Structures are given as C-alpha cells and as structure tokens.
Amino acid sequence: MYFTLLGILFLLTVIGLISYRSWLNPVSIFNVVWLVVCFLYGFRLSPNLQAPLENRTCYLLMLGNIIFTISCIVVSKISIWPTNLSSVYKTKEITFENIQKHFWIWFVLELFETVYSKGFPIIWALQHNGKTYFDYGIPSVHGFANAYGLTILTILAYQLFKGDYKKQSKKIVTYILIILLMYVFMLTRQVIISAIIQIFVVYCFLKRKIPWVKILIWTFLIIIVFGLVGNIRTGYYEFLSVAQMDTKVNPLFVGFYWVYMYLTMTIANLNKLFNMFFTPLGMGYFWSIYLPTALVNSVFKFNNPVDQSNFLVTQAFNVSGYSADAYISIGIMGIVIMAIIYGIIGGLCYKKIIRNRSMKNILYYAVYLQIIVLSFFFNQLFYLPSGFQFVIIYFLFKNIKSKGKY
C-alpha cells in the first residue's frame, strides 16, 4: 500500500501540471511536498520512532490529497467574473516610503518585546540559563509581530525584485537582513523558513529566469544554518539522542538530519494517530488550540485539558500535519473538511493571480504557497504568524489608491 500511496501522490502532481500548465500551481506543489515526505519516510532512518506505515494511514493520506486536488481544481476553473474584465483591472502598490514606516513600527515592537523578555533566545541558549524561545515575547502579540514582520519582509522582497526602487535598494536589502537577523536571534527556524519560501515565490513571479544552481547552493547553506541554529537551540548530542539515530554526523552537517526528522516525523505521528482508538474530542478541542481559552470555554464549554503527547510518537517532534487537530476533533470528516478548506483557498488564490498579477495577489499567493509547502509541519493556515498575514495584507492595501491599469 505504501507504493500505491507514492503512485497516487505522483499522479496527482502530474494532474496539477496538466491542469494548470505551470509548475507553480497549488495542486502540484501540495502533492509533491507530501510525495517527498512519504518517500523519505520509507528509509526509516530512525526505526525506533518510525514504524512501518499501516494501510489505514496510506488510505487517509490519499483521501486528504485527493479531496484537496479536486477542491482546488474545481474552484480555480469556475469562472465567477467575465474574463474580458481583466484588462480593466487596476493595480494597487505599496510604496517604499509606506512600507518603511511599517518596518520601523515592527522594529520598535520587537525591541519592546526584547526588553519585556529581558534578552534574546540565542543569548539564553548560549548561556544555558534554562530559558527558551517560548519564553520570548508577549503571548498573541508575539504571533502578530511575526506575521507583521513576515508581511513587511515579503513586500520589501517584491520591491527589490521588481526594481522600481533602485535608489533605495541598499536600504531595502538592509531592512530584509535586519528582519531575518531578528528571527535568527529569536531562534525561530519555522518563521525563517516561511520567510525564505515567500521570498522565493515572489522572485519566481518577478524574474523570468530562475538560477537553479544558485538555488541549490543556497538551499545547501540554509540547511547547514538550520542545523547550526538547532545545535544552539536544542544541542547536537541532545538531537542525536531524541532522534534515536545510530549513525553520527559532523555537527556542521547535522542540519540534513534535522530536516529529515522534521519532514518524516509527521508521517510517524500520523501513523500512530490514525491507528489508535479514541473518541473524537469535538470542535471545542480544535478551537482551543487557535482561540483564547476564555472564549472557547464560553462558546464550546470545553474545559477538559488534553495531553497531546498521547497522540505523538515522541514529544520531541510535535509535528503532525495540517489535518491532525481536525482529525482528533471530529475524526475522518476533519481530514475532509481541512482538505476542502485548503483546496478552496488555493483555487481562489490561483484564480486571482492568473487574472491579475498585481502586487497584492502575488503577496497572497506567496503566503498561501508557504502554508501548503509547510502543510507537513502543522496547520499553518490557522497559525497566527502565517495565516494572519492575509489579514495584514488586506488592511495594508485597503486605503491605497489605484495607480493605473495593469
């Protein structure tokens, strides 16, 4: 059944390429991500943590991807507006002066969080004082600040690649580096990876030629940095211990093992989750993860704390994909619902960017592709630093006047 799963995921990837005639389409990207993850899991480099895939796991993985593919293609192919109106669409673009103001607002906010937290996670890790990334920032405010910074970063990348602000290019690069450096100081690897994906998507839309050799080199370097940050944040020997790998690797290249474990442990966790018996916990559990506790308790009357470690192979790798919480809440129907939601949003985003490659639509699409590329990690759509970017982009463009026809 494992090879059938790989075959279905490959077929869905090809269907996306045929349907959209572009490799930068949501169907192919979503399915190829899960194809790679499932393929890598087959090596089971950590056999104590990675059990053989059960048939039920394969069936449910195929179900989610098939539902996503159908939803996305159907929505993207439905014509809501007359196609002849695309020529009169007007564009709205955020100016450098405007986004520069938002950069300084974000920067001051992060300085305030740093003062409030009394330092940076990277310093705490080097000092071994027991404080971690989770001790940094103000709850909820920190998630908004990350979403705000990611949005600003992506807009700056758009302005840099488009080349309309050549005189300010040095400033733009400086602001981009400051934001990325701030995330390095926070030791928030997930946000850094999200930023890199969004920047890459913007680059693909604004540059005709994609330097694949340079991309491979940068990917290699990013993985090394990812591992080095992990060595600081968690520890090299601690990682080898929790990953339960027999082989040792040079600390400089441990990033490749970090990436492998984070990619494949989602499948290991889903394999356990999909094959264990439990009574679905209801929508109260689902919303308790994403909404304030007081609000959830008043609306859903959900006061029962849940030990999430019961659903994981190991607490050290608490990654379980975009649909795990929905499955725990309402069972198989949760997988179907999340796949439909992801597919509908993908179809809408793709439809908008095909009809009008405006700055706003490219930003929306960059955020969405980041969400589905990291769908193996967890539900990025309902994760404040990722999903809330849609809201921030909407309000940033709300009061901007059209600059002319596209």
Protein backbone atom coordinates (compact mmCIF):
# COMPACT_ATOMS: atom_id res chain seq x y z
CA MET A 1 0.00 0.00 0.00
CA TYR A 2 2.98 2.29 0.59
CA PHE A 3 3.95 2.19 -3.09
CA THR A 4 0.32 2.76 -4.06
CA LEU A 5 0.40 5.90 -1.90
CA LEU A 6 3.53 7.14 -3.67
CA GLY A 7 1.96 6.37 -7.05
CA ILE A 8 -1.25 8.27 -6.24
CA LEU A 9 0.68 11.31 -4.98
CA PHE A 10 2.82 11.28 -8.14
CA LEU A 11 -0.30 11.01 -10.32
CA LEU A 12 -1.95 13.95 -8.50
CA THR A 13 1.21 16.00 -9.05
CA VAL A 14 1.07 15.28 -12.79
CA ILE A 15 -2.66 16.12 -12.88
CA GLY A 16 -1.80 19.54 -11.42
CA LEU A 17 0.84 20.14 -14.10
CA ILE A 18 -1.58 19.14 -16.87
CA SER A 19 -4.48 21.18 -15.46
CA TYR A 20 -2.54 24.40 -14.89
CA ARG A 21 0.36 24.03 -17.34
CA SER A 22 2.63 25.66 -14.80
CA TRP A 23 4.87 24.12 -12.15
CA LEU A 24 4.00 26.95 -9.73
CA ASN A 25 0.46 25.65 -9.18
CA PRO A 26 -1.03 24.72 -5.78
CA VAL A 27 -2.07 21.16 -6.72
CA SER A 28 1.37 20.03 -7.87
CA ILE A 29 3.22 21.80 -5.08
CA PHE A 30 0.96 20.42 -2.34
CA ASN A 31 1.14 16.86 -3.66
CA VAL A 32 4.87 16.88 -4.40
CA VAL A 33 5.56 18.05 -0.83
CA TRP A 34 3.65 15.07 0.57
CA LEU A 35 5.22 12.78 -2.05
CA VAL A 36 8.71 13.77 -0.92
CA VAL A 37 7.80 13.43 2.76
CA CYS A 38 6.29 9.96 2.29
CA PHE A 39 9.19 8.85 0.07
CA LEU A 40 11.77 9.93 2.66
CA TYR A 41 9.82 8.16 5.39
CA GLY A 42 10.38 4.90 3.53
CA PHE A 43 14.09 4.98 4.50
CA ARG A 44 13.13 4.97 8.22
CA LEU A 45 16.50 6.26 9.40
CA SER A 46 15.12 6.27 12.94
CA PRO A 47 13.43 2.83 13.06
CA ASN A 48 12.66 3.07 16.79
CA LEU A 49 10.47 6.13 16.14
CA GLN A 50 9.33 5.38 12.59
CA ALA A 51 7.15 2.28 12.45
CA PRO A 52 6.13 0.69 9.12
CA LEU A 53 3.17 2.51 7.54
CA GLU A 54 -0.19 0.94 8.20
CA ASN A 55 -2.70 0.59 5.35
CA ARG A 56 -5.16 2.88 7.14
CA THR A 57 -2.52 5.62 7.25
CA CYS A 58 -1.96 5.33 3.50
CA TYR A 59 -5.70 5.44 2.79
CA LEU A 60 -6.25 8.57 4.88
CA LEU A 61 -3.22 10.34 3.41
CA MET A 62 -4.52 9.60 -0.09
CA LEU A 63 -8.02 10.77 0.92
CA GLY A 64 -6.77 14.17 2.07
CA ASN A 65 -4.67 14.80 -1.04
CA ILE A 66 -7.38 13.64 -3.45
CA ILE A 67 -10.01 15.87 -1.80
CA PHE A 68 -7.58 18.81 -1.86
CA THR A 69 -6.80 18.28 -5.54
CA ILE A 70 -10.47 18.06 -6.58
CA SER A 71 -11.46 21.12 -4.50
CA CYS A 72 -8.59 23.25 -5.79
CA ILE A 73 -9.07 22.40 -9.47
CA VAL A 74 -12.86 22.82 -9.37
CA VAL A 75 -12.68 26.23 -7.65
CA SER A 76 -9.85 27.52 -9.86
CA LYS A 77 -11.68 26.50 -13.03
CA ILE A 78 -15.03 28.07 -12.10
CA SER A 79 -15.48 31.40 -13.86
CA ILE A 80 -17.17 33.86 -11.49
CA TRP A 81 -16.42 37.08 -13.41
CA PRO A 82 -16.44 37.70 -17.16
CA THR A 83 -12.93 37.10 -18.46
CA ASN A 84 -12.96 40.28 -20.55
CA LEU A 85 -12.90 42.41 -17.41
CA SER A 86 -9.29 41.50 -16.58
CA SER A 87 -7.93 44.17 -18.92
CA VAL A 88 -9.55 46.98 -16.96
CA TYR A 89 -8.32 45.83 -13.56
CA LYS A 90 -6.27 48.46 -11.78
CA THR A 91 -3.29 47.76 -9.58
CA LYS A 92 -2.53 48.95 -6.11
CA GLU A 93 1.05 49.00 -4.94
CA ILE A 94 2.50 49.83 -1.55
CA THR A 95 5.28 52.40 -1.86
CA PHE A 96 8.69 52.05 -0.26
CA GLU A 97 8.01 55.09 1.92
CA ASN A 98 4.84 53.44 3.20
CA ILE A 99 6.39 50.06 3.99
CA GLN A 100 9.39 51.80 5.55
CA LYS A 101 7.05 53.27 8.17
CA HIS A 102 5.64 49.82 8.89
CA PHE A 103 9.17 48.44 9.20
CA TRP A 104 10.00 50.90 11.96
CA ILE A 105 6.71 50.20 13.74
CA TRP A 106 7.56 46.47 13.65
CA PHE A 107 11.13 47.14 14.77
CA VAL A 108 10.02 49.18 17.79
CA LEU A 109 7.51 46.46 18.66
CA GLU A 110 10.24 43.82 18.60
CA LEU A 111 12.53 45.99 20.73
CA PHE A 112 9.71 46.31 23.24
CA GLU A 113 9.27 42.53 23.27
CA THR A 114 13.01 42.10 23.78
CA VAL A 115 13.03 44.48 26.74
CA TYR A 116 9.94 42.76 28.14
CA SER A 117 11.60 39.34 27.77
CA LYS A 118 14.96 40.60 29.09
CA GLY A 119 17.01 39.27 26.23
CA PHE A 120 17.11 37.11 23.11
CA PRO A 121 16.66 33.31 22.92
CA ILE A 122 20.01 32.93 21.15
CA ILE A 123 21.79 34.53 24.13
CA TRP A 124 19.82 32.37 26.59
CA ALA A 125 20.81 29.25 24.65
CA LEU A 126 24.50 30.21 24.72
CA GLN A 127 24.26 30.95 28.44
CA HIS A 128 22.36 27.69 29.15
CA ASN A 129 20.16 29.55 31.64
CA GLY A 130 17.08 27.37 31.06
CA LYS A 131 15.06 29.97 29.14
CA THR A 132 13.92 29.10 25.61
CA TYR A 133 12.22 30.64 22.58
CA PHE A 134 8.86 30.03 24.25
CA ASP A 135 9.83 32.49 26.99
CA TYR A 136 10.33 35.27 24.45
CA GLY A 137 7.73 37.90 23.61
CA ILE A 138 4.23 38.70 24.76
CA PRO A 139 1.63 35.96 24.09
CA SER A 140 -0.54 36.68 20.99
CA VAL A 141 1.33 39.98 20.46
CA HIS A 142 4.40 37.98 19.51
CA GLY A 143 2.45 35.96 16.95
CA PHE A 144 1.08 39.16 15.42
CA ALA A 145 4.58 40.68 15.37
CA ASN A 146 5.91 37.65 13.49
CA ALA A 147 3.08 37.87 10.94
CA TYR A 148 3.66 41.63 10.60
CA GLY A 149 7.39 41.13 10.06
CA LEU A 150 6.88 38.35 7.50
CA THR A 151 4.46 40.52 5.52
CA ILE A 152 6.84 43.51 5.56
CA LEU A 153 9.73 41.27 4.55
CA THR A 154 7.79 39.85 1.58
CA ILE A 155 6.75 43.32 0.41
CA LEU A 156 10.35 44.53 0.61
CA ALA A 157 11.43 41.49 -1.44
CA TYR A 158 8.77 42.34 -4.04
CA GLN A 159 10.05 45.91 -4.31
CA LEU A 160 13.66 44.72 -4.56
CA PHE A 161 12.99 42.16 -7.30
CA LYS A 162 10.70 44.41 -9.32
CA GLY A 163 13.38 47.10 -9.43
CA ASP A 164 11.17 50.18 -9.12
CA TYR A 165 13.24 51.47 -6.19
CA LYS A 166 16.83 51.13 -7.41
CA LYS A 167 17.98 54.16 -5.42
CA GLN A 168 16.60 52.62 -2.23
CA SER A 169 17.81 49.08 -3.00
CA LYS A 170 20.55 49.20 -0.34
CA LYS A 171 18.02 50.27 2.27
CA ILE A 172 15.63 47.53 1.19
CA VAL A 173 18.35 44.86 1.47
CA THR A 174 19.36 46.25 4.87
CA TYR A 175 15.76 46.05 6.15
CA ILE A 176 15.41 42.49 4.84
CA LEU A 177 18.61 41.42 6.58
CA ILE A 178 17.56 43.10 9.84
CA ILE A 179 14.26 41.20 9.87
CA LEU A 180 15.94 37.88 9.09
CA LEU A 181 18.65 38.55 11.69
CA MET A 182 15.98 39.32 14.29
CA TYR A 183 14.37 35.94 13.60
CA VAL A 184 17.77 34.25 13.93
CA PHE A 185 18.23 35.94 17.33
CA MET A 186 14.80 34.56 18.30
CA LEU A 187 15.85 31.05 17.16
CA THR A 188 12.53 30.72 15.34
CA ARG A 189 13.50 28.44 12.48
CA GLN A 190 9.92 27.95 11.30
CA VAL A 191 9.43 31.68 10.69
CA ILE A 192 12.79 31.89 8.89
CA ILE A 193 11.80 29.02 6.57
CA SER A 194 8.40 30.69 5.96
CA ALA A 195 10.19 33.92 5.04
CA ILE A 196 12.53 32.15 2.60
CA ILE A 197 9.63 30.37 0.87
CA GLN A 198 7.61 33.58 0.46
CA ILE A 199 10.63 35.48 -0.88
CA PHE A 200 11.31 32.67 -3.36
CA VAL A 201 7.70 32.67 -4.63
CA VAL A 202 7.83 36.43 -5.19
CA TYR A 203 11.14 36.01 -7.02
CA CYS A 204 9.63 33.37 -9.33
CA PHE A 205 6.83 35.73 -10.37
CA LEU A 206 9.03 38.77 -10.96
CA LYS A 207 12.09 37.17 -12.55
CA ARG A 208 11.88 35.28 -15.83
CA LYS A 209 14.98 33.15 -15.37
CA ILE A 210 15.35 31.12 -12.19
CA PRO A 211 19.01 30.35 -11.30
CA TRP A 212 18.56 26.76 -10.19
CA VAL A 213 22.28 26.25 -9.48
CA LYS A 214 22.32 29.22 -7.10
CA ILE A 215 19.10 27.99 -5.52
CA LEU A 216 20.64 24.57 -4.84
CA ILE A 217 23.72 26.22 -3.31
CA TRP A 218 21.56 28.46 -1.12
CA THR A 219 19.40 25.50 -0.13
CA PHE A 220 22.53 23.64 0.96
CA LEU A 221 23.70 26.62 3.00
CA ILE A 222 20.26 27.19 4.54
CA ILE A 223 20.10 23.57 5.69
CA ILE A 224 23.53 23.94 7.29
CA VAL A 225 22.43 27.11 9.08
CA PHE A 226 19.18 25.36 10.09
CA GLY A 227 21.26 22.66 11.75
CA LEU A 228 23.62 25.12 13.44
CA VAL A 229 20.67 27.03 14.88
CA GLY A 230 19.29 23.71 16.06
CA ASN A 231 22.62 22.89 17.72
CA ILE A 232 22.35 26.16 19.65
CA ARG A 233 18.66 25.86 20.43
CA THR A 234 18.48 22.15 21.32
CA GLY A 235 22.02 20.83 21.32
CA TYR A 236 23.85 18.47 18.95
CA TYR A 237 24.04 15.47 21.26
CA GLU A 238 20.53 16.07 22.56
CA PHE A 239 19.24 15.94 18.99
CA LEU A 240 21.02 12.66 18.26
CA SER A 241 19.56 11.27 21.46
CA VAL A 242 15.93 12.25 20.82
CA ALA A 243 16.18 11.31 17.12
CA GLN A 244 17.45 7.86 18.16
CA MET A 245 19.76 7.57 15.19
CA ASP A 246 22.57 5.02 15.29
CA THR A 247 24.77 6.95 12.89
CA LYS A 248 26.76 10.02 13.86
CA VAL A 249 27.32 13.03 11.64
CA ASN A 250 29.60 16.02 11.68
CA PRO A 251 27.88 18.82 13.67
CA LEU A 252 28.32 21.11 10.65
CA PHE A 253 26.07 18.89 8.53
CA VAL A 254 23.58 17.83 11.18
CA GLY A 255 21.04 20.17 9.53
CA PHE A 256 20.33 17.48 6.93
CA TYR A 257 19.29 15.11 9.73
CA TRP A 258 17.24 17.86 11.37
CA VAL A 259 15.39 18.41 8.09
CA TYR A 260 14.89 14.68 7.57
CA MET A 261 13.44 14.18 11.04
CA TYR A 262 11.11 17.17 10.82
CA LEU A 263 9.90 16.06 7.39
CA THR A 264 9.31 12.44 8.27
CA MET A 265 8.16 12.53 11.89
CA THR A 266 4.86 13.99 10.72
CA ILE A 267 4.18 10.68 8.95
CA ALA A 268 5.29 8.74 12.05
CA ASN A 269 2.93 10.75 14.25
CA LEU A 270 0.04 10.43 11.80
CA ASN A 271 0.73 6.70 11.55
CA LYS A 272 0.21 6.42 15.29
CA LEU A 273 -2.74 8.83 15.40
CA PHE A 274 -4.68 7.24 12.54
CA ASN A 275 -4.38 3.75 14.02
CA MET A 276 -5.17 4.40 17.68
CA PHE A 277 -8.64 4.21 19.17
CA PHE A 278 -10.06 7.31 20.86
CA THR A 279 -13.31 9.20 21.00
CA PRO A 280 -13.17 12.43 18.92
CA LEU A 281 -12.82 15.38 21.29
CA GLY A 282 -15.20 17.73 19.47
CA MET A 283 -14.79 21.21 17.99
CA GLY A 284 -14.03 22.66 21.41
CA TYR A 285 -10.63 20.96 21.32
CA PHE A 286 -9.98 22.19 17.78
CA TRP A 287 -10.70 25.83 18.55
CA SER A 288 -8.93 25.68 21.93
CA ILE A 289 -5.66 25.45 20.01
CA TYR A 290 -6.25 28.59 17.96
CA LEU A 291 -8.53 30.83 20.04
CA PRO A 292 -8.24 32.34 23.54
CA THR A 293 -9.14 29.79 26.22
CA ALA A 294 -11.81 32.01 27.83
CA LEU A 295 -13.62 32.43 24.51
CA VAL A 296 -13.51 28.70 23.76
CA ASN A 297 -14.78 27.80 27.23
CA SER A 298 -17.71 30.21 26.97
CA VAL A 299 -18.77 29.14 23.46
CA PHE A 300 -17.96 25.41 23.41
CA LYS A 301 -17.92 24.68 27.17
CA PHE A 302 -14.58 22.95 26.66
CA ASN A 303 -12.77 22.68 29.98
CA ASN A 304 -11.08 19.32 29.59
CA PRO A 305 -7.28 19.63 29.24
CA VAL A 306 -5.79 17.25 26.68
CA ASP A 307 -2.37 15.63 26.89
CA GLN A 308 -1.30 15.97 23.26
CA SER A 309 1.73 13.71 23.86
CA ASN A 310 -0.69 10.76 23.75
CA PHE A 311 -1.10 11.32 20.01
CA LEU A 312 2.64 11.66 19.30
CA VAL A 313 5.39 9.09 18.89
CA THR A 314 7.64 11.39 20.90
CA GLN A 315 7.09 14.85 22.37
CA ALA A 316 10.45 15.89 20.91
CA PHE A 317 8.89 16.05 17.42
CA ASN A 318 5.41 17.52 17.80
CA VAL A 319 4.77 17.83 14.06
CA SER A 320 1.69 16.15 12.64
CA GLY A 321 0.50 17.92 9.50
CA TYR A 322 -2.32 20.27 8.61
CA SER A 323 -5.21 17.94 9.42
CA ALA A 324 -4.20 16.25 12.68
CA ASP A 325 -6.10 18.59 15.02
CA ALA A 326 -9.22 18.32 12.87
CA TYR A 327 -8.94 14.51 12.93
CA ILE A 328 -8.58 14.49 16.71
CA SER A 329 -11.62 16.77 16.92
CA ILE A 330 -14.12 15.08 14.60
CA GLY A 331 -12.40 12.09 13.01
CA ILE A 332 -12.10 11.35 9.29
CA MET A 333 -14.53 14.15 8.43
CA GLY A 334 -11.96 16.55 9.89
CA ILE A 335 -9.44 15.48 7.24
CA VAL A 336 -12.05 16.03 4.51
CA ILE A 337 -13.02 19.47 5.84
CA MET A 338 -9.42 20.72 6.16
CA ALA A 339 -8.54 19.41 2.68
CA ILE A 340 -11.57 21.22 1.21
CA ILE A 341 -10.67 24.48 3.01
CA TYR A 342 -7.07 24.32 1.81
CA GLY A 343 -8.21 23.43 -1.72
CA ILE A 344 -10.81 26.21 -1.96
CA ILE A 345 -8.36 28.87 -0.79
CA GLY A 346 -5.76 27.54 -3.22
CA GLY A 347 -8.20 27.68 -6.12
CA LEU A 348 -9.23 31.23 -5.26
CA CYS A 349 -5.65 32.47 -4.86
CA TYR A 350 -4.58 30.89 -8.13
CA LYS A 351 -7.59 32.28 -9.97
CA LYS A 352 -6.84 35.80 -8.71
CA ILE A 353 -3.16 35.73 -9.64
CA ILE A 354 -3.83 34.33 -13.13
CA ARG A 355 -6.39 37.08 -13.85
CA ASN A 356 -4.25 39.87 -12.41
CA ARG A 357 -0.62 39.57 -11.32
CA SER A 358 -0.83 42.57 -9.06
CA MET A 359 1.36 43.14 -6.03
CA LYS A 360 -1.49 42.22 -3.68
CA ASN A 361 -2.32 38.95 -5.46
CA ILE A 362 1.33 37.89 -5.61
CA LEU A 363 1.65 38.52 -1.87
CA TYR A 364 -1.50 36.50 -1.17
CA TYR A 365 -0.22 33.65 -3.32
CA ALA A 366 3.24 33.72 -1.72
CA VAL A 367 1.69 33.37 1.74
CA TYR A 368 -0.61 30.58 0.57
CA LEU A 369 2.18 28.58 -1.08
CA GLN A 370 4.24 28.92 2.09
CA ILE A 371 1.31 27.48 4.03
CA ILE A 372 0.90 24.43 1.80
CA VAL A 373 4.65 23.80 1.47
CA LEU A 374 4.78 23.60 5.27
CA SER A 375 1.50 21.68 5.50
CA PHE A 376 3.53 18.63 6.56
CA PHE A 377 4.57 20.61 9.66
CA PHE A 378 1.20 21.61 11.12
CA ASN A 379 -1.84 23.73 10.28
CA GLN A 380 -0.05 26.88 9.13
CA LEU A 381 -3.32 28.36 7.90
CA PHE A 382 -4.60 28.67 11.47
CA TYR A 383 -1.16 29.59 12.83
CA LEU A 384 -1.02 33.29 13.72
CA PRO A 385 2.39 34.17 12.16
CA SER A 386 1.34 32.58 8.85
CA GLY A 387 -2.43 32.79 8.38
CA PHE A 388 -2.81 36.28 9.84
CA GLN A 389 -0.67 37.65 7.02
CA PHE A 390 -3.77 37.51 4.81
CA VAL A 391 -5.48 39.94 7.18
CA ILE A 392 -2.46 42.25 7.38
CA ILE A 393 -2.09 42.35 3.58
CA TYR A 394 -5.80 43.16 3.22
CA PHE A 395 -5.62 46.14 5.57
CA LEU A 396 -2.31 47.41 4.14
CA PHE A 397 -3.94 47.66 0.70
CA LYS A 398 -7.35 48.81 1.90
CA ASN A 399 -6.65 52.55 1.79
CA ILE A 400 -4.24 52.60 -1.13
CA LYS A 401 -5.47 54.31 -4.27
CA SER A 402 -5.17 52.57 -7.63
CA LYS A 403 -2.10 53.71 -9.56
CA GLY A 404 -3.41 52.84 -13.02
CA LYS A 405 -4.28 49.98 -15.30
CA TYR A 406 -2.29 46.80 -15.05
